[in-house]
Amino acid sequence: MRFIRTIIVDDEWLIRSELAGMLKKHPEIELIGQAADASAARLLIHQSKPDLILLDIQMPGETGFQLLDTLEISIPVIFISAYDHLVPLSIRYQPVGFLLKPISPQKLESVLQQVFRRYPPH
């Protein structure tokens, strides 16, 4: 089976922890790392070359949008935010999905099904 190598980028430890726990229910997802800010995420992305990023938009320092603008490669992204007004702004990055905080297991399940349809694990 091919796993979807995934990282979580969010400045809130609790969100990262909750998402990591929810992702454990999906054997197709391999959580390979977490980062609390764009700078750490950039390094993690460079080192681990993930297949998918769960990315908070509003973080101290750089935003998730700014992080994506600096990457030299395109990686599928699921945006995370407490602000639904950012959904239209996220469209230019062609996200696989958008999760509003607090994140429900049902909403994560729905977004992951979109991921599995677009990037099926083998």
Protein backbone atom coordinates (compact mmCIF):
# COMPACT_ATOMS: atom_id res chain seq x y z
CA MET A 1 0.00 0.00 0.00
CA ARG A 2 1.20 3.49 -0.87
CA PHE A 3 0.78 6.00 1.91
CA ILE A 4 0.00 9.67 1.52
CA ARG A 5 2.95 11.26 3.33
CA THR A 6 1.46 14.16 5.25
CA ILE A 7 2.59 17.05 7.43
CA ILE A 8 0.58 19.36 9.69
CA VAL A 9 1.53 23.04 9.94
CA ASP A 10 -0.31 25.05 12.61
CA ASP A 11 0.90 27.40 15.32
CA GLU A 12 -1.58 25.89 17.81
CA TRP A 13 -0.20 22.75 19.50
CA LEU A 14 -3.70 21.57 20.40
CA ILE A 15 -4.86 21.69 16.78
CA ARG A 16 -1.78 19.75 15.63
CA SER A 17 -2.35 17.17 18.37
CA GLU A 18 -6.06 16.75 17.61
CA LEU A 19 -5.44 16.43 13.88
CA ALA A 20 -2.65 13.89 14.44
CA GLY A 21 -5.05 11.83 16.54
CA MET A 22 -7.80 11.99 13.93
CA LEU A 23 -5.37 11.06 11.14
CA LYS A 24 -4.39 7.86 12.99
CA LYS A 25 -7.79 6.46 12.01
CA HIS A 26 -6.72 6.57 8.36
CA PRO A 27 -4.09 3.94 7.53
CA GLU A 28 -3.63 5.56 4.09
CA ILE A 29 -2.19 8.64 5.75
CA GLU A 30 1.37 8.59 7.06
CA LEU A 31 1.98 11.58 9.32
CA ILE A 32 5.66 12.35 8.76
CA GLY A 33 5.99 15.63 10.62
CA GLN A 34 4.56 18.72 12.22
CA ALA A 35 5.60 22.35 12.29
CA ALA A 36 4.42 25.37 14.30
CA ASP A 37 5.38 28.09 11.81
CA ALA A 38 6.22 28.71 8.17
CA SER A 39 9.97 28.71 8.70
CA ALA A 40 9.97 25.27 10.35
CA ALA A 41 7.48 24.03 7.75
CA ARG A 42 9.72 25.12 4.87
CA LEU A 43 12.61 23.09 6.30
CA LEU A 44 10.36 20.09 6.97
CA ILE A 45 8.96 20.23 3.43
CA HIS A 46 12.45 20.42 1.95
CA GLN A 47 13.68 17.47 4.05
CA SER A 48 10.64 15.17 3.94
CA LYS A 49 9.00 15.94 0.58
CA PRO A 50 5.40 15.35 1.70
CA ASP A 51 2.51 14.39 -0.57
CA LEU A 52 0.01 16.53 1.38
CA ILE A 53 0.09 19.52 3.74
CA LEU A 54 -2.57 20.43 6.28
CA LEU A 55 -1.77 24.13 6.54
CA ASP A 56 -2.99 26.85 8.86
CA ILE A 57 -3.41 30.17 7.09
CA GLN A 58 -3.00 32.62 9.98
CA MET A 59 0.28 32.05 11.83
CA PRO A 60 2.72 34.43 13.52
CA GLY A 61 5.36 35.63 11.08
CA GLU A 62 4.45 34.30 7.67
CA THR A 63 0.98 33.17 6.69
CA GLY A 64 0.30 29.82 5.07
CA PHE A 65 -0.26 31.67 1.79
CA GLN A 66 3.18 33.29 2.05
CA LEU A 67 4.73 29.88 2.75
CA LEU A 68 3.18 28.41 -0.40
CA ASP A 69 4.33 31.41 -2.44
CA THR A 70 7.96 30.61 -1.54
CA LEU A 71 7.90 26.90 -2.34
CA GLU A 72 9.54 25.81 -5.56
CA ILE A 73 7.31 22.75 -5.82
CA SER A 74 3.55 22.34 -5.80
CA ILE A 75 2.13 20.15 -3.02
CA PRO A 76 -1.57 19.45 -2.49
CA VAL A 77 -2.84 21.42 0.49
CA ILE A 78 -5.78 21.34 2.87
CA PHE A 79 -6.13 24.75 4.47
CA ILE A 80 -7.01 25.15 8.14
CA SER A 81 -8.44 28.36 9.54
CA ALA A 82 -10.76 29.79 12.15
CA TYR A 83 -11.85 32.40 9.59
CA ASP A 84 -14.30 31.41 6.87
CA HIS A 85 -13.75 34.73 5.04
CA LEU A 86 -10.36 33.31 3.97
CA VAL A 87 -11.98 30.55 1.89
CA PRO A 88 -12.31 32.75 -1.24
CA LEU A 89 -8.69 33.92 -0.88
CA SER A 90 -7.50 30.32 -0.70
CA ILE A 91 -8.98 29.39 -4.08
CA ARG A 92 -5.97 30.69 -6.01
CA TYR A 93 -3.89 27.90 -4.41
CA GLN A 94 -6.34 25.22 -5.60
CA PRO A 95 -6.62 23.50 -2.22
CA VAL A 96 -7.94 19.98 -1.93
CA GLY A 97 -10.09 21.22 0.94
CA PHE A 98 -10.65 23.75 3.69
CA LEU A 99 -11.15 22.91 7.37
CA LEU A 100 -12.67 25.45 9.73
CA LYS A 101 -11.60 25.40 13.37
CA PRO A 102 -12.69 23.74 15.54
CA ILE A 103 -12.15 20.76 13.24
CA SER A 104 -14.73 18.02 13.46
CA PRO A 105 -13.84 14.40 12.65
CA GLN A 106 -16.72 14.35 10.15
CA LYS A 107 -15.42 17.37 8.23
CA LEU A 108 -11.89 15.93 8.20
CA GLU A 109 -13.32 12.64 6.90
CA SER A 110 -15.13 14.48 4.10
CA VAL A 111 -12.01 16.40 3.06
CA LEU A 112 -9.86 13.24 3.19
CA GLN A 113 -12.31 11.46 0.90
CA GLN A 114 -11.65 14.26 -1.63
CA VAL A 115 -7.91 13.67 -1.20
CA PHE A 116 -8.30 9.92 -1.75
CA ARG A 117 -10.35 10.52 -4.92
CA ARG A 118 -7.74 12.91 -6.36
CA TYR A 119 -4.65 11.06 -5.12
CA PRO A 120 -5.65 7.45 -4.55
CA PRO A 121 -3.41 5.38 -2.30
CA HIS A 122 -2.26 2.19 -3.99
